[in-house]
Amino acid sequence: MSRQDPRVLESGVSQLQVSCHVQGDAAMVRVAGEIDLSTAGAFDHGLRLACSAIGPSGMLVVDLREVEFLGAAGLHVLCRARERCARRGVTMASVAAHAAVTAPIRLTGLSGVVGLTPRFPDGDGG
């Protein structure tokens, strides 16, 4: 069974698109736009929805390839999502390869915490 929950949030000059796709014990949250204080709530909602929809030993992939800005609020949301996943036995990977996302994650030492990887875990590129 596949479920989708696309959401678009427009706030001030920031716009964020979050879509959640769940199939079995795997979920993907695709994110596009800017993740800052004004859009972190929508990002958090998408990650919560995905994590709660999959069972233990499942996999959550956060696709950040289309994120243009990742602020401190977004980093906080990613860390909380990782903690929620860990409590449920769910593996989380964050896919990003461009500096707008990878630089803040690496500079704060969170690469291992949020499962930063330049490619999708199954290698298919999404």
C-alpha atoms as a PDB file:
ATOM      1  CA  MET A   1       0.000   0.000   0.000  1.00  0.00           C
ATOM      2  CA  SER A   2       1.286   3.425  -0.844  1.00  0.00           C
ATOM      3  CA  ARG A   3       0.228   6.664   0.836  1.00  0.00           C
ATOM      4  CA  GLN A   4       1.099  10.201  -0.114  1.00  0.00           C
ATOM      5  CA  ASP A   5       0.714  13.365   1.920  1.00  0.00           C
ATOM      6  CA  PRO A   6       1.931  16.325  -0.121  1.00  0.00           C
ATOM      7  CA  ARG A   7       2.057  19.629   1.732  1.00  0.00           C
ATOM      8  CA  VAL A   8       3.058  23.088   0.638  1.00  0.00           C
ATOM      9  CA  LEU A   9       3.727  25.842   3.136  1.00  0.00           C
ATOM     10  CA  GLU A  10       4.260  29.422   2.137  1.00  0.00           C
ATOM     11  CA  SER A  11       5.462  31.759   4.844  1.00  0.00           C
ATOM     12  CA  GLY A  12       6.823  35.222   4.164  1.00  0.00           C
ATOM     13  CA  VAL A  13       9.605  34.903   1.625  1.00  0.00           C
ATOM     14  CA  SER A  14      10.153  31.235   2.447  1.00  0.00           C
ATOM     15  CA  GLN A  15       8.407  28.406   0.700  1.00  0.00           C
ATOM     16  CA  LEU A  16       8.724  24.746   1.594  1.00  0.00           C
ATOM     17  CA  GLN A  17       7.261  21.702  -0.091  1.00  0.00           C
ATOM     18  CA  VAL A  18       7.161  18.453   1.863  1.00  0.00           C
ATOM     19  CA  SER A  19       5.797  15.196   0.501  1.00  0.00           C
ATOM     20  CA  CYS A  20       5.680  11.887   2.288  1.00  0.00           C
ATOM     21  CA  HIS A  21       5.525   8.563   0.472  1.00  0.00           C
ATOM     22  CA  VAL A  22       5.077   5.362   2.491  1.00  0.00           C
ATOM     23  CA  GLN A  23       5.229   1.830   1.200  1.00  0.00           C
ATOM     24  CA  GLY A  24       5.389  -1.068   3.624  1.00  0.00           C
ATOM     25  CA  ASP A  25       8.169  -0.486   6.142  1.00  0.00           C
ATOM     26  CA  ALA A  26       9.842   2.216   4.084  1.00  0.00           C
ATOM     27  CA  ALA A  27       9.085   5.909   3.818  1.00  0.00           C
ATOM     28  CA  MET A  28      10.535   8.797   1.883  1.00  0.00           C
ATOM     29  CA  VAL A  29      10.097  12.427   2.763  1.00  0.00           C
ATOM     30  CA  ARG A  30      10.986  14.714  -0.144  1.00  0.00           C
ATOM     31  CA  VAL A  31      11.675  18.318   0.716  1.00  0.00           C
ATOM     32  CA  ALA A  32      12.123  21.334  -1.560  1.00  0.00           C
ATOM     33  CA  GLY A  33      12.707  24.968  -0.697  1.00  0.00           C
ATOM     34  CA  GLU A  34      14.046  26.624   2.433  1.00  0.00           C
ATOM     35  CA  ILE A  35      14.031  25.080   5.892  1.00  0.00           C
ATOM     36  CA  ASP A  36      14.165  27.864   8.437  1.00  0.00           C
ATOM     37  CA  LEU A  37      12.309  28.896  11.575  1.00  0.00           C
ATOM     38  CA  SER A  38       9.158  29.752   9.628  1.00  0.00           C
ATOM     39  CA  THR A  39       8.983  26.406   7.783  1.00  0.00           C
ATOM     40  CA  ALA A  40      10.465  23.998  10.341  1.00  0.00           C
ATOM     41  CA  GLY A  41       6.993  23.048  11.616  1.00  0.00           C
ATOM     42  CA  ALA A  42       5.893  21.716   8.228  1.00  0.00           C
ATOM     43  CA  PHE A  43       9.193  19.831   7.888  1.00  0.00           C
ATOM     44  CA  ASP A  44       8.756  18.328  11.358  1.00  0.00           C
ATOM     45  CA  HIS A  45       5.170  17.326  10.582  1.00  0.00           C
ATOM     46  CA  GLY A  46       6.236  15.438   7.452  1.00  0.00           C
ATOM     47  CA  LEU A  47       8.995  13.591   9.302  1.00  0.00           C
ATOM     48  CA  ARG A  48       6.675  12.689  12.200  1.00  0.00           C
ATOM     49  CA  LEU A  49       4.057  11.386   9.801  1.00  0.00           C
ATOM     50  CA  ALA A  50       6.583   9.235   7.960  1.00  0.00           C
ATOM     51  CA  CYS A  51       8.263   7.844  11.077  1.00  0.00           C
ATOM     52  CA  SER A  52       4.955   6.903  12.676  1.00  0.00           C
ATOM     53  CA  ALA A  53       3.744   5.194   9.484  1.00  0.00           C
ATOM     54  CA  ILE A  54       6.536   2.621   9.345  1.00  0.00           C
ATOM     55  CA  GLY A  55       7.256  -0.208  11.718  1.00  0.00           C
ATOM     56  CA  PRO A  56      10.348  -1.211  13.646  1.00  0.00           C
ATOM     57  CA  SER A  57      13.333  -2.134  11.475  1.00  0.00           C
ATOM     58  CA  GLY A  58      11.900   0.114   8.774  1.00  0.00           C
ATOM     59  CA  MET A  59      13.753   2.773   6.793  1.00  0.00           C
ATOM     60  CA  LEU A  60      13.113   6.514   6.570  1.00  0.00           C
ATOM     61  CA  VAL A  61      14.850   8.398   3.770  1.00  0.00           C
ATOM     62  CA  VAL A  62      14.840  12.191   3.909  1.00  0.00           C
ATOM     63  CA  ASP A  63      15.460  13.551   0.400  1.00  0.00           C
ATOM     64  CA  LEU A  64      17.038  16.993   0.819  1.00  0.00           C
ATOM     65  CA  ARG A  65      18.384  17.307  -2.742  1.00  0.00           C
ATOM     66  CA  GLU A  66      16.042  20.203  -3.567  1.00  0.00           C
ATOM     67  CA  VAL A  67      16.550  22.130  -0.332  1.00  0.00           C
ATOM     68  CA  GLU A  68      18.034  25.568  -1.003  1.00  0.00           C
ATOM     69  CA  PHE A  69      18.687  26.570   2.616  1.00  0.00           C
ATOM     70  CA  LEU A  70      19.011  24.579   5.836  1.00  0.00           C
ATOM     71  CA  GLY A  71      19.005  26.704   8.977  1.00  0.00           C
ATOM     72  CA  ALA A  72      19.449  25.844  12.640  1.00  0.00           C
ATOM     73  CA  ALA A  73      15.727  25.107  13.038  1.00  0.00           C
ATOM     74  CA  GLY A  74      15.943  22.524  10.243  1.00  0.00           C
ATOM     75  CA  LEU A  75      18.998  20.910  11.826  1.00  0.00           C
ATOM     76  CA  HIS A  76      17.085  20.654  15.100  1.00  0.00           C
ATOM     77  CA  VAL A  77      14.132  19.004  13.349  1.00  0.00           C
ATOM     78  CA  LEU A  78      16.445  16.470  11.673  1.00  0.00           C
ATOM     79  CA  CYS A  79      18.055  15.594  15.016  1.00  0.00           C
ATOM     80  CA  ARG A  80      14.685  15.134  16.711  1.00  0.00           C
ATOM     81  CA  ALA A  81      13.504  12.953  13.830  1.00  0.00           C
ATOM     82  CA  ARG A  82      16.585  10.793  14.184  1.00  0.00           C
ATOM     83  CA  GLU A  83      15.901  10.383  17.908  1.00  0.00           C
ATOM     84  CA  ARG A  84      12.272   9.391  17.220  1.00  0.00           C
ATOM     85  CA  CYS A  85      13.383   6.897  14.591  1.00  0.00           C
ATOM     86  CA  ALA A  86      16.004   5.387  16.901  1.00  0.00           C
ATOM     87  CA  ARG A  87      13.405   4.884  19.656  1.00  0.00           C
ATOM     88  CA  ARG A  88      11.249   2.958  17.177  1.00  0.00           C
ATOM     89  CA  GLY A  89      14.117   0.939  15.665  1.00  0.00           C
ATOM     90  CA  VAL A  90      13.818   2.774  12.339  1.00  0.00           C
ATOM     91  CA  THR A  91      16.929   3.581  10.301  1.00  0.00           C
ATOM     92  CA  MET A  92      17.116   7.146   8.967  1.00  0.00           C
ATOM     93  CA  ALA A  93      19.193   8.443   6.072  1.00  0.00           C
ATOM     94  CA  SER A  94      19.377  12.045   4.840  1.00  0.00           C
ATOM     95  CA  VAL A  95      20.248  12.367   1.155  1.00  0.00           C
ATOM     96  CA  ALA A  96      21.996  15.562   0.051  1.00  0.00           C
ATOM     97  CA  ALA A  97      25.047  16.422  -1.998  1.00  0.00           C
ATOM     98  CA  HIS A  98      25.102  20.210  -2.305  1.00  0.00           C
ATOM     99  CA  ALA A  99      26.684  22.687   0.075  1.00  0.00           C
ATOM    100  CA  ALA A 100      23.458  24.484   1.056  1.00  0.00           C
ATOM    101  CA  VAL A 101      22.572  21.360   3.043  1.00  0.00           C
ATOM    102  CA  THR A 102      25.805  19.459   3.590  1.00  0.00           C
ATOM    103  CA  ALA A 103      27.834  22.406   4.918  1.00  0.00           C
ATOM    104  CA  PRO A 104      25.615  23.203   7.926  1.00  0.00           C
ATOM    105  CA  ILE A 105      25.311  19.505   8.762  1.00  0.00           C
ATOM    106  CA  ARG A 106      29.063  18.907   8.576  1.00  0.00           C
ATOM    107  CA  LEU A 107      30.022  22.150  10.334  1.00  0.00           C
ATOM    108  CA  THR A 108      27.864  21.220  13.304  1.00  0.00           C
ATOM    109  CA  GLY A 109      29.217  17.662  13.421  1.00  0.00           C
ATOM    110  CA  LEU A 110      25.827  16.114  12.707  1.00  0.00           C
ATOM    111  CA  SER A 111      26.683  14.034   9.614  1.00  0.00           C
ATOM    112  CA  GLY A 112      26.572  10.737  11.488  1.00  0.00           C
ATOM    113  CA  VAL A 113      23.639  11.771  13.628  1.00  0.00           C
ATOM    114  CA  VAL A 114      21.308  12.479  10.700  1.00  0.00           C
ATOM    115  CA  GLY A 115      22.726   9.754   8.441  1.00  0.00           C
ATOM    116  CA  LEU A 116      24.023  12.135   5.773  1.00  0.00           C
ATOM    117  CA  THR A 117      24.733  10.418   2.460  1.00  0.00           C
ATOM    118  CA  PRO A 118      25.163  11.746  -1.114  1.00  0.00           C
ATOM    119  CA  ARG A 119      23.157   8.840  -2.594  1.00  0.00           C
ATOM    120  CA  PHE A 120      20.040   6.893  -1.796  1.00  0.00           C
ATOM    121  CA  PRO A 121      20.705   3.875   0.449  1.00  0.00           C
ATOM    122  CA  ASP A 122      19.533   1.414  -2.222  1.00  0.00           C
ATOM    123  CA  GLY A 123      21.717   3.116  -4.839  1.00  0.00           C
ATOM    124  CA  ASP A 124      18.904   3.834  -7.296  1.00  0.00           C
ATOM    125  CA  GLY A 125      19.095   7.622  -6.968  1.00  0.00           C
ATOM    126  CA  GLY A 126      15.452   8.040  -5.985  1.00  0.00           C
END
